[in-house]
Amino acid sequence: MTETKANEALGESINQLTSKFNAIASHQKVMDTQITQITQQVSHLSQPQGHLPGQLETNSRDHINAISMMEEGLEKNPVMVL
């Protein structure tokens, strides 16, 4: 008789733990969905469309003065003259 009561108590404890685990798993799925939604909203707000992130660096050589294509064979690989 004592063994039967112990098994029933153990079964009840397992059922309670299973119920709590399922509730936590369900809550975790809701949180994952909310985090995904928030991440998408923030990413749309942080980068305006049509703009590149960060600052552009200026060319340290100022600009290219000329491109020479005088010699034969340079049509495919032009030489920059600075």
C-alpha atoms as a PDB file:
ATOM      1  CA  MET A   1       0.000   0.000   0.000  1.00  0.00           C
ATOM      2  CA  THR A   2       2.828   2.411   0.832  1.00  0.00           C
ATOM      3  CA  GLU A   3       4.464   1.772  -2.523  1.00  0.00           C
ATOM      4  CA  THR A   4       1.221   2.602  -4.322  1.00  0.00           C
ATOM      5  CA  LYS A   5       0.914   5.912  -2.488  1.00  0.00           C
ATOM      6  CA  ALA A   6       4.531   6.738  -3.281  1.00  0.00           C
ATOM      7  CA  ASN A   7       3.960   5.970  -6.971  1.00  0.00           C
ATOM      8  CA  GLU A   8       0.821   8.140  -7.009  1.00  0.00           C
ATOM      9  CA  ALA A   9       2.678  11.015  -5.338  1.00  0.00           C
ATOM     10  CA  LEU A  10       5.557  10.630  -7.788  1.00  0.00           C
ATOM     11  CA  GLY A  11       3.136  10.570 -10.726  1.00  0.00           C
ATOM     12  CA  GLU A  12       1.439  13.736  -9.448  1.00  0.00           C
ATOM     13  CA  SER A  13       4.800  15.467  -9.061  1.00  0.00           C
ATOM     14  CA  ILE A  14       5.773  14.488 -12.612  1.00  0.00           C
ATOM     15  CA  ASN A  15       2.456  15.827 -13.930  1.00  0.00           C
ATOM     16  CA  GLN A  16       2.974  19.139 -12.121  1.00  0.00           C
ATOM     17  CA  LEU A  17       6.515  19.473 -13.424  1.00  0.00           C
ATOM     18  CA  THR A  18       5.399  18.612 -16.960  1.00  0.00           C
ATOM     19  CA  SER A  19       2.665  21.247 -16.748  1.00  0.00           C
ATOM     20  CA  LYS A  20       5.128  23.875 -15.507  1.00  0.00           C
ATOM     21  CA  PHE A  21       7.638  22.942 -18.202  1.00  0.00           C
ATOM     22  CA  ASN A  22       4.984  23.274 -20.921  1.00  0.00           C
ATOM     23  CA  ALA A  23       3.963  26.696 -19.563  1.00  0.00           C
ATOM     24  CA  ILE A  24       7.597  27.875 -19.598  1.00  0.00           C
ATOM     25  CA  ALA A  25       8.132  26.524 -23.134  1.00  0.00           C
ATOM     26  CA  SER A  26       5.010  28.322 -24.339  1.00  0.00           C
ATOM     27  CA  HIS A  27       6.120  31.562 -22.706  1.00  0.00           C
ATOM     28  CA  GLN A  28       9.566  31.205 -24.306  1.00  0.00           C
ATOM     29  CA  LYS A  29       7.981  30.912 -27.765  1.00  0.00           C
ATOM     30  CA  VAL A  30       5.988  34.104 -27.143  1.00  0.00           C
ATOM     31  CA  MET A  31       9.145  35.915 -26.020  1.00  0.00           C
ATOM     32  CA  ASP A  32      11.067  34.714 -29.097  1.00  0.00           C
ATOM     33  CA  THR A  33       8.305  36.040 -31.351  1.00  0.00           C
ATOM     34  CA  GLN A  34       8.283  39.396 -29.557  1.00  0.00           C
ATOM     35  CA  ILE A  35      12.082  39.726 -29.763  1.00  0.00           C
ATOM     36  CA  THR A  36      11.957  38.997 -33.498  1.00  0.00           C
ATOM     37  CA  GLN A  37       9.255  41.627 -34.014  1.00  0.00           C
ATOM     38  CA  ILE A  38      11.146  44.240 -31.981  1.00  0.00           C
ATOM     39  CA  THR A  39      14.379  43.499 -33.856  1.00  0.00           C
ATOM     40  CA  GLN A  40      12.643  44.006 -37.198  1.00  0.00           C
ATOM     41  CA  GLN A  41      11.088  47.285 -36.045  1.00  0.00           C
ATOM     42  CA  VAL A  42      14.386  48.627 -34.708  1.00  0.00           C
ATOM     43  CA  SER A  43      16.319  47.652 -37.839  1.00  0.00           C
ATOM     44  CA  HIS A  44      13.833  49.567 -39.999  1.00  0.00           C
ATOM     45  CA  LEU A  45      14.131  52.641 -37.788  1.00  0.00           C
ATOM     46  CA  SER A  46      17.904  52.691 -37.427  1.00  0.00           C
ATOM     47  CA  GLN A  47      18.804  52.718 -41.143  1.00  0.00           C
ATOM     48  CA  PRO A  48      16.886  55.133 -43.323  1.00  0.00           C
ATOM     49  CA  GLN A  49      16.284  53.735 -46.787  1.00  0.00           C
ATOM     50  CA  GLY A  50      18.608  55.034 -49.468  1.00  0.00           C
ATOM     51  CA  HIS A  51      21.447  55.842 -47.067  1.00  0.00           C
ATOM     52  CA  LEU A  52      24.621  53.896 -46.485  1.00  0.00           C
ATOM     53  CA  PRO A  53      25.626  53.250 -42.869  1.00  0.00           C
ATOM     54  CA  GLY A  54      28.800  54.835 -41.516  1.00  0.00           C
ATOM     55  CA  GLN A  55      30.885  57.681 -42.835  1.00  0.00           C
ATOM     56  CA  LEU A  56      32.493  57.644 -46.241  1.00  0.00           C
ATOM     57  CA  GLU A  57      36.235  58.189 -46.414  1.00  0.00           C
ATOM     58  CA  THR A  58      37.622  60.724 -48.858  1.00  0.00           C
ATOM     59  CA  ASN A  59      40.160  59.609 -51.433  1.00  0.00           C
ATOM     60  CA  SER A  60      43.599  60.354 -50.006  1.00  0.00           C
ATOM     61  CA  ARG A  61      44.926  61.034 -53.530  1.00  0.00           C
ATOM     62  CA  ASP A  62      42.217  63.644 -54.140  1.00  0.00           C
ATOM     63  CA  HIS A  63      41.195  62.492 -57.617  1.00  0.00           C
ATOM     64  CA  ILE A  64      42.411  60.800 -60.783  1.00  0.00           C
ATOM     65  CA  ASN A  65      43.853  63.235 -63.308  1.00  0.00           C
ATOM     66  CA  ALA A  66      43.753  61.047 -66.417  1.00  0.00           C
ATOM     67  CA  ILE A  67      43.383  57.540 -67.750  1.00  0.00           C
ATOM     68  CA  SER A  68      45.740  56.628 -70.575  1.00  0.00           C
ATOM     69  CA  MET A  69      44.651  54.158 -73.267  1.00  0.00           C
ATOM     70  CA  MET A  70      47.310  55.045 -75.828  1.00  0.00           C
ATOM     71  CA  GLU A  71      49.326  51.848 -75.940  1.00  0.00           C
ATOM     72  CA  GLU A  72      48.208  48.641 -77.550  1.00  0.00           C
ATOM     73  CA  GLY A  73      46.713  46.118 -75.129  1.00  0.00           C
ATOM     74  CA  LEU A  74      45.659  48.718 -72.582  1.00  0.00           C
ATOM     75  CA  GLU A  75      42.046  48.699 -73.767  1.00  0.00           C
ATOM     76  CA  LYS A  76      41.249  45.964 -71.257  1.00  0.00           C
ATOM     77  CA  ASN A  77      43.509  47.248 -68.442  1.00  0.00           C
ATOM     78  CA  PRO A  78      43.825  51.056 -68.532  1.00  0.00           C
ATOM     79  CA  VAL A  79      46.664  52.723 -66.645  1.00  0.00           C
ATOM     80  CA  MET A  80      45.894  55.550 -64.235  1.00  0.00           C
ATOM     81  CA  VAL A  81      48.185  58.576 -64.464  1.00  0.00           C
ATOM     82  CA  LEU A  82      48.332  60.587 -61.262  1.00  0.00           C
END
